[in-house]
Each structure stands twice: as structure tokens, then as C-alpha cells.
Amino acid sequence: HRASGSFARVTTQPGVLMGTVSYMSPEQARGLEVDERSDLFSLGVVMYELLTGRAPFEGQTTGDILVALLSGEPRPLARYETKLPEALQRIIDRALAKQVEQRYQTARELGAELKRLKEELEFAARVKGRTGSKDDILTLMVGVAVDAAEHSTFDTRRNVKRSTAPGGASSALRGWLRRRGNAV
């Protein structure tokens, strides 16, 4: 928002529900204090959507989505794509952990795991001599997520309360593709 030539700062208070419900962490949906780990949950939602074409927590109404988010579990990735590596399922599961302590604690930690997986996928593709396959698309998606995590797209400053929105992930994807010469 722009007000009188300067940017307006939006902050939230505990107990206030602000944000896009489909991308909220459980603590955000409950109106509790959020931090970087809440943003990493939102990144996990975006990664799940990129891999499956579906939201991890679905419902017909906002209330249904909140119930699914707070008490449901996302369907396994293999239900949508059978050839995804188990390591990717573990990464997504940890990013989408309901308990904040079980989630990645920093973007750097998530980025390191994604980078390791990306390197394994690239190595496997070279060994198999594959190009232009689904494996390349998966490697691209993992590369986007690594880029997002490494460049602090989802950085939340300590002691600042704010809502989480998926815009950071889509702008990270657009930026990553642009830097690599792909049209967006």
C-alpha cells in the first residue's frame, strides 16, 4: 500500500486472522504469533501445489479449509505422481508439519535439504542420460524452491508480526525463471 509517497506497514496482532487461508500455517490460522517457520510452511504449501496441482488442505468453504489445515493431513505426493523421490515426500512432510518445532527452523536448513535433493536428481539424470523428461521438471521445481530458500524470499524479521501470503513464492519462481532466460 502507498500512502503519501511512503509505504504503509501492515502488522498483525495475536488473535487476528489475516492472510490467504490456503497458505496459512496452523499457528497463523489460530491467530498465534508467527515467525519464519510459518513462512516455510507456506513455501511447503506452494511446493505441494507445484508437484500435485492441488492444495494440500482443501475444502469447499474457508471454514472447511481451516478444519483441514488444523486437523487433516495432506494426501501423499505419490497419489498424484508415483515417480517422485521419497526424499521429496519427507521434505514436504517436514515443511507442512503442524507443530512448529517439527518444521524446518530456518530457510537455510530447508534450502540445504532441497539443494542436496537437487544434486541427487541431477546426478541420477546424468547417469541415466535423460533430458527433457519429467525428471527435468522436478529438478527445475526443486531448484526454484532452493533459490527461494537461499535468497531469503520468506525472511521474517524477529519480533515483527505479519501475515503470510503466497506472493513471495510466485515472485521467486518468476525471478528464478527470468534469471535463467525463460519467459514468464
Protein backbone atom coordinates (compact mmCIF):
# COMPACT_ATOMS: atom_id res chain seq x y z
CA HIS A 1 0.00 0.00 0.00
CA ARG A 2 1.20 3.51 -0.73
CA ALA A 3 0.26 6.45 1.43
CA SER A 4 1.62 9.98 0.84
CA GLY A 5 4.69 8.78 -1.05
CA SER A 6 5.73 6.23 1.57
CA PHE A 7 4.90 2.59 2.13
CA ALA A 8 2.37 1.76 4.82
CA ARG A 9 3.42 -1.05 7.14
CA VAL A 10 0.83 -3.68 7.99
CA THR A 11 1.32 -5.58 11.21
CA THR A 12 -0.96 -8.09 12.84
CA GLN A 13 -1.71 -8.76 16.45
CA PRO A 14 -2.04 -12.20 18.04
CA GLY A 15 -5.66 -13.29 17.81
CA VAL A 16 -6.21 -11.55 14.45
CA LEU A 17 -6.64 -13.76 11.38
CA MET A 18 -5.08 -12.16 8.29
CA GLY A 19 -3.84 -13.76 5.12
CA THR A 20 -4.80 -16.23 2.43
CA VAL A 21 -6.28 -19.21 4.25
CA SER A 22 -4.92 -21.80 1.81
CA TYR A 23 -1.35 -20.69 2.57
CA MET A 24 -1.61 -20.15 6.32
CA SER A 25 0.33 -22.14 8.84
CA PRO A 26 -1.65 -23.75 11.68
CA GLU A 27 -0.35 -21.17 14.17
CA GLN A 28 -1.36 -18.32 11.87
CA ALA A 29 -4.82 -19.83 11.37
CA ARG A 30 -5.18 -19.94 15.17
CA GLY A 31 -4.21 -16.26 15.43
CA LEU A 32 -0.98 -17.03 17.27
CA GLU A 33 2.37 -15.32 16.79
CA VAL A 34 4.16 -16.28 13.55
CA ASP A 35 7.80 -16.29 12.52
CA GLU A 36 10.00 -17.58 9.69
CA ARG A 37 8.80 -21.13 10.28
CA SER A 38 5.28 -20.05 9.37
CA ASP A 39 6.63 -18.73 6.07
CA LEU A 40 8.39 -22.05 5.49
CA PHE A 41 5.05 -23.80 5.97
CA SER A 42 3.61 -21.55 3.23
CA LEU A 43 6.54 -22.46 0.98
CA GLY A 44 5.72 -26.12 1.66
CA VAL A 45 2.15 -25.45 0.51
CA VAL A 46 3.43 -23.88 -2.72
CA MET A 47 5.83 -26.78 -3.35
CA TYR A 48 3.00 -29.28 -2.77
CA GLU A 49 0.82 -27.38 -5.25
CA LEU A 50 3.60 -27.27 -7.85
CA LEU A 51 4.08 -31.03 -7.58
CA THR A 52 0.45 -32.12 -7.46
CA GLY A 53 -1.60 -29.33 -8.98
CA ARG A 54 -3.73 -29.35 -5.80
CA ALA A 55 -3.70 -27.64 -2.45
CA PRO A 56 -2.58 -29.82 0.47
CA PHE A 57 -5.56 -28.71 2.55
CA GLU A 58 -8.80 -28.42 0.62
CA GLY A 59 -12.42 -27.63 1.34
CA GLN A 60 -15.48 -26.06 -0.21
CA THR A 61 -15.54 -23.13 2.20
CA THR A 62 -12.98 -21.14 4.15
CA GLY A 63 -14.14 -22.93 7.30
CA ASP A 64 -13.64 -26.33 5.65
CA ILE A 65 -10.12 -25.34 4.60
CA LEU A 66 -9.32 -24.20 8.15
CA VAL A 67 -10.57 -27.53 9.59
CA ALA A 68 -8.45 -29.45 7.05
CA LEU A 69 -5.43 -27.28 7.85
CA LEU A 70 -5.76 -27.67 11.61
CA SER A 71 -6.73 -31.33 11.83
CA GLY A 72 -6.18 -33.00 8.45
CA GLU A 73 -3.09 -34.30 6.70
CA PRO A 74 -2.26 -33.75 3.03
CA ARG A 75 -2.56 -36.73 0.73
CA PRO A 76 0.79 -38.34 -0.11
CA LEU A 77 2.51 -36.95 -3.21
CA ALA A 78 2.57 -40.47 -4.71
CA ARG A 79 -1.21 -40.32 -5.05
CA TYR A 80 -0.71 -37.71 -7.77
CA GLU A 81 2.72 -38.62 -9.13
CA THR A 82 4.12 -42.08 -8.48
CA LYS A 83 7.72 -41.46 -9.51
CA LEU A 84 8.60 -38.71 -7.05
CA PRO A 85 11.56 -39.44 -4.77
CA GLU A 86 10.77 -40.43 -1.18
CA ALA A 87 13.19 -37.72 -0.03
CA LEU A 88 10.90 -35.11 -1.56
CA GLN A 89 7.93 -36.50 0.38
CA ARG A 90 9.97 -36.25 3.59
CA ILE A 91 10.91 -32.63 2.81
CA ILE A 92 7.29 -31.66 2.09
CA ASP A 93 6.07 -33.50 5.20
CA ARG A 94 8.53 -31.63 7.38
CA ALA A 95 7.72 -28.27 5.78
CA LEU A 96 4.00 -28.94 6.40
CA ALA A 97 4.40 -30.22 9.96
CA LYS A 98 1.59 -28.98 12.20
CA GLN A 99 3.90 -28.47 15.18
CA VAL A 100 6.26 -25.58 14.55
CA GLU A 101 9.08 -27.37 16.42
CA GLN A 102 8.93 -30.27 13.94
CA ARG A 103 9.19 -27.97 10.93
CA TYR A 104 12.35 -26.57 9.36
CA GLN A 105 13.64 -23.92 11.72
CA THR A 106 15.32 -21.76 9.08
CA ALA A 107 15.12 -21.18 5.34
CA ARG A 108 18.81 -22.13 5.19
CA GLU A 109 18.03 -25.57 6.67
CA LEU A 110 15.25 -26.22 4.15
CA GLY A 111 17.41 -24.87 1.33
CA ALA A 112 20.26 -27.23 2.24
CA GLU A 113 17.97 -30.28 2.06
CA LEU A 114 16.47 -29.14 -1.23
CA LYS A 115 19.91 -28.46 -2.65
CA ARG A 116 21.04 -31.97 -1.67
CA LEU A 117 17.98 -33.44 -3.37
CA LYS A 118 18.53 -31.30 -6.48
CA GLU A 119 22.12 -32.50 -6.74
CA GLU A 120 20.98 -36.14 -6.38
CA LEU A 121 18.34 -35.65 -9.11
CA GLU A 122 20.87 -34.02 -11.44
CA PHE A 123 23.36 -36.83 -10.83
CA ALA A 124 20.70 -39.50 -11.44
CA ALA A 125 19.65 -37.76 -14.67
CA ARG A 126 23.27 -37.67 -15.90
CA VAL A 127 23.76 -41.35 -15.06
CA LYS A 128 20.59 -42.27 -16.93
CA GLY A 129 21.43 -39.90 -19.80
CA ARG A 130 17.94 -38.37 -19.66
CA THR A 131 16.96 -34.94 -20.90
CA GLY A 132 13.58 -33.37 -21.49
CA SER A 133 11.82 -35.71 -19.07
CA LYS A 134 9.61 -35.27 -16.02
CA ASP A 135 12.82 -35.56 -14.00
CA ASP A 136 13.99 -32.25 -15.54
CA ILE A 137 10.75 -30.55 -14.48
CA LEU A 138 11.12 -31.91 -10.95
CA THR A 139 14.73 -30.72 -10.83
CA LEU A 140 13.55 -27.28 -12.03
CA MET A 141 10.89 -27.13 -9.30
CA VAL A 142 13.35 -28.17 -6.62
CA GLY A 143 15.81 -25.58 -7.99
CA VAL A 144 13.16 -22.85 -7.65
CA ALA A 145 12.50 -23.87 -4.06
CA VAL A 146 16.24 -23.90 -3.30
CA ASP A 147 16.54 -20.42 -4.81
CA ALA A 148 13.60 -19.15 -2.77
CA ALA A 149 15.02 -20.54 0.46
CA GLU A 150 18.61 -19.40 -0.19
CA HIS A 151 17.64 -15.84 -1.12
CA SER A 152 15.51 -15.31 1.98
CA THR A 153 12.37 -14.69 -0.03
CA PHE A 154 10.45 -15.79 3.04
CA ASP A 155 12.56 -13.99 5.64
CA THR A 156 10.58 -12.83 8.66
CA ARG A 157 12.34 -10.38 10.90
CA ARG A 158 12.34 -11.29 14.60
CA ASN A 159 9.65 -9.69 16.74
CA VAL A 160 7.70 -8.45 13.72
CA LYS A 161 4.24 -9.93 13.42
CA ARG A 162 2.84 -10.07 9.90
CA SER A 163 0.62 -12.18 7.72
CA THR A 164 1.94 -14.75 5.29
CA ALA A 165 0.90 -14.66 1.65
CA PRO A 166 1.98 -16.80 -1.28
CA GLY A 167 3.16 -13.84 -3.38
CA GLY A 168 6.77 -14.35 -2.29
CA ALA A 169 6.85 -17.83 -3.73
CA SER A 170 5.37 -16.84 -7.08
CA SER A 171 7.71 -13.88 -7.40
CA ALA A 172 10.63 -16.18 -6.51
CA LEU A 173 9.53 -18.57 -9.25
CA ARG A 174 9.21 -15.73 -11.79
CA GLY A 175 12.59 -14.31 -10.78
CA TRP A 176 14.32 -17.69 -10.96
CA LEU A 177 12.88 -18.38 -14.42
CA ARG A 178 13.76 -14.84 -15.62
CA ARG A 179 17.37 -15.18 -14.44
CA ARG A 180 17.65 -18.40 -16.42
CA GLY A 181 16.26 -16.83 -19.62
CA ASN A 182 12.78 -18.39 -19.55
CA ALA A 183 9.71 -16.32 -20.37
CA VAL A 184 7.15 -15.83 -17.64
